[in-house]
Amino acid sequence: MSKGKRYPQEFKIEAVKQTNKRGYSVVEVLERLGICTKRLYHWRCYS
């Protein structure tokens, strides 16, 4: 069984920056990067 797609640390950091520092909404970032809500919120908690 696959664990899912892996993302580089730089990708995660950039996604979080877009919501925290650049003022994009979570929905905008999710749609642009093609990731799920749960994943982005998880990254935000651990950044």
N, C-alpha and C. Protein backbone atom coordinates (compact mmCIF):
# COMPACT_ATOMS: atom_id res chain seq x y z
N MET A 1 0.84 -1.18 0.00
CA MET A 1 0.00 0.00 0.00
C MET A 1 0.89 1.25 0.00
N SER A 2 0.55 2.22 -0.81
CA SER A 2 1.29 3.46 -0.92
C SER A 2 0.94 4.42 0.21
N LYS A 3 1.91 5.19 0.66
CA LYS A 3 1.68 6.17 1.70
C LYS A 3 1.22 7.52 1.13
N GLY A 4 1.14 7.63 -0.17
CA GLY A 4 0.72 8.88 -0.78
C GLY A 4 1.90 9.65 -1.34
N LYS A 5 1.59 10.82 -1.86
CA LYS A 5 2.61 11.64 -2.50
C LYS A 5 3.46 12.35 -1.45
N ARG A 6 4.75 12.38 -1.68
CA ARG A 6 5.70 13.08 -0.80
C ARG A 6 6.01 14.44 -1.41
N TYR A 7 6.13 15.44 -0.57
CA TYR A 7 6.44 16.79 -1.03
C TYR A 7 7.76 17.23 -0.41
N PRO A 8 8.60 17.92 -1.18
CA PRO A 8 9.87 18.42 -0.64
C PRO A 8 9.60 19.46 0.45
N GLN A 9 10.52 19.59 1.38
CA GLN A 9 10.38 20.55 2.47
C GLN A 9 10.21 21.97 1.95
N GLU A 10 10.91 22.32 0.89
CA GLU A 10 10.82 23.67 0.32
C GLU A 10 9.40 23.96 -0.19
N PHE A 11 8.76 22.96 -0.78
CA PHE A 11 7.40 23.09 -1.27
C PHE A 11 6.44 23.39 -0.11
N LYS A 12 6.61 22.65 0.99
CA LYS A 12 5.76 22.83 2.16
C LYS A 12 5.92 24.23 2.75
N ILE A 13 7.16 24.64 2.88
CA ILE A 13 7.45 25.96 3.44
C ILE A 13 6.83 27.06 2.58
N GLU A 14 6.97 26.94 1.28
CA GLU A 14 6.41 27.95 0.37
C GLU A 14 4.89 27.98 0.45
N ALA A 15 4.26 26.83 0.54
CA ALA A 15 2.79 26.77 0.64
C ALA A 15 2.31 27.47 1.91
N VAL A 16 2.98 27.24 3.01
CA VAL A 16 2.62 27.87 4.28
C VAL A 16 2.86 29.38 4.21
N LYS A 17 3.96 29.79 3.62
CA LYS A 17 4.26 31.22 3.48
C LYS A 17 3.17 31.94 2.70
N GLN A 18 2.65 31.28 1.69
CA GLN A 18 1.61 31.92 0.87
C GLN A 18 0.37 32.24 1.69
N THR A 19 0.05 31.44 2.68
CA THR A 19 -1.12 31.71 3.51
C THR A 19 -0.78 32.62 4.68
N ASN A 20 0.41 32.52 5.22
CA ASN A 20 0.76 33.30 6.41
C ASN A 20 1.31 34.69 6.10
N LYS A 21 2.19 34.78 5.14
CA LYS A 21 2.90 36.05 4.90
C LYS A 21 2.45 36.78 3.64
N ARG A 22 1.93 36.07 2.69
CA ARG A 22 1.58 36.71 1.42
C ARG A 22 0.10 37.02 1.29
N GLY A 23 -0.69 36.59 2.26
CA GLY A 23 -2.09 36.98 2.31
C GLY A 23 -3.05 36.20 1.43
N TYR A 24 -2.59 35.10 0.83
CA TYR A 24 -3.50 34.28 0.03
C TYR A 24 -4.40 33.46 0.96
N SER A 25 -5.61 33.22 0.53
CA SER A 25 -6.50 32.37 1.32
C SER A 25 -6.06 30.92 1.17
N VAL A 26 -6.44 30.12 2.14
CA VAL A 26 -6.11 28.70 2.09
C VAL A 26 -6.69 28.07 0.83
N VAL A 27 -7.90 28.43 0.48
CA VAL A 27 -8.56 27.86 -0.71
C VAL A 27 -7.77 28.20 -1.98
N GLU A 28 -7.29 29.44 -2.09
CA GLU A 28 -6.50 29.82 -3.26
C GLU A 28 -5.24 28.96 -3.38
N VAL A 29 -4.56 28.77 -2.27
CA VAL A 29 -3.32 27.99 -2.27
C VAL A 29 -3.60 26.53 -2.60
N LEU A 30 -4.66 25.98 -2.00
CA LEU A 30 -5.02 24.58 -2.27
C LEU A 30 -5.28 24.35 -3.74
N GLU A 31 -6.06 25.23 -4.33
CA GLU A 31 -6.41 25.06 -5.74
C GLU A 31 -5.19 25.23 -6.64
N ARG A 32 -4.37 26.22 -6.35
CA ARG A 32 -3.20 26.49 -7.19
C ARG A 32 -2.18 25.36 -7.12
N LEU A 33 -1.97 24.81 -5.92
CA LEU A 33 -0.94 23.78 -5.75
C LEU A 33 -1.47 22.36 -5.88
N GLY A 34 -2.79 22.20 -5.85
CA GLY A 34 -3.36 20.87 -6.01
C GLY A 34 -3.16 19.97 -4.81
N ILE A 35 -3.25 20.54 -3.62
CA ILE A 35 -3.11 19.75 -2.40
C ILE A 35 -4.42 19.78 -1.62
N CYS A 36 -4.55 18.87 -0.65
CA CYS A 36 -5.80 18.80 0.11
C CYS A 36 -5.72 19.70 1.36
N THR A 37 -6.87 20.06 1.86
CA THR A 37 -6.98 20.96 3.00
C THR A 37 -6.24 20.41 4.22
N LYS A 38 -6.47 19.15 4.52
CA LYS A 38 -5.86 18.54 5.70
C LYS A 38 -4.34 18.65 5.66
N ARG A 39 -3.78 18.42 4.51
CA ARG A 39 -2.32 18.46 4.36
C ARG A 39 -1.78 19.86 4.65
N LEU A 40 -2.40 20.88 4.08
CA LEU A 40 -1.91 22.24 4.28
C LEU A 40 -2.04 22.65 5.74
N TYR A 41 -3.14 22.35 6.38
CA TYR A 41 -3.30 22.69 7.79
C TYR A 41 -2.29 21.94 8.65
N HIS A 42 -1.98 20.73 8.29
CA HIS A 42 -0.97 19.96 9.02
C HIS A 42 0.39 20.65 8.90
N TRP A 43 0.74 21.08 7.70
CA TRP A 43 2.01 21.78 7.49
C TRP A 43 2.05 23.08 8.28
N ARG A 44 0.93 23.78 8.34
CA ARG A 44 0.88 25.04 9.09
C ARG A 44 1.11 24.80 10.57
N CYS A 45 0.59 23.73 11.10
CA CYS A 45 0.75 23.44 12.53
C CYS A 45 2.19 23.15 12.89
N TYR A 46 2.94 22.58 11.98
CA TYR A 46 4.30 22.17 12.27
C TYR A 46 5.36 23.08 11.66
N SER A 47 4.94 24.24 11.21
CA SER A 47 5.93 25.15 10.63
C SER A 47 6.44 26.15 11.65
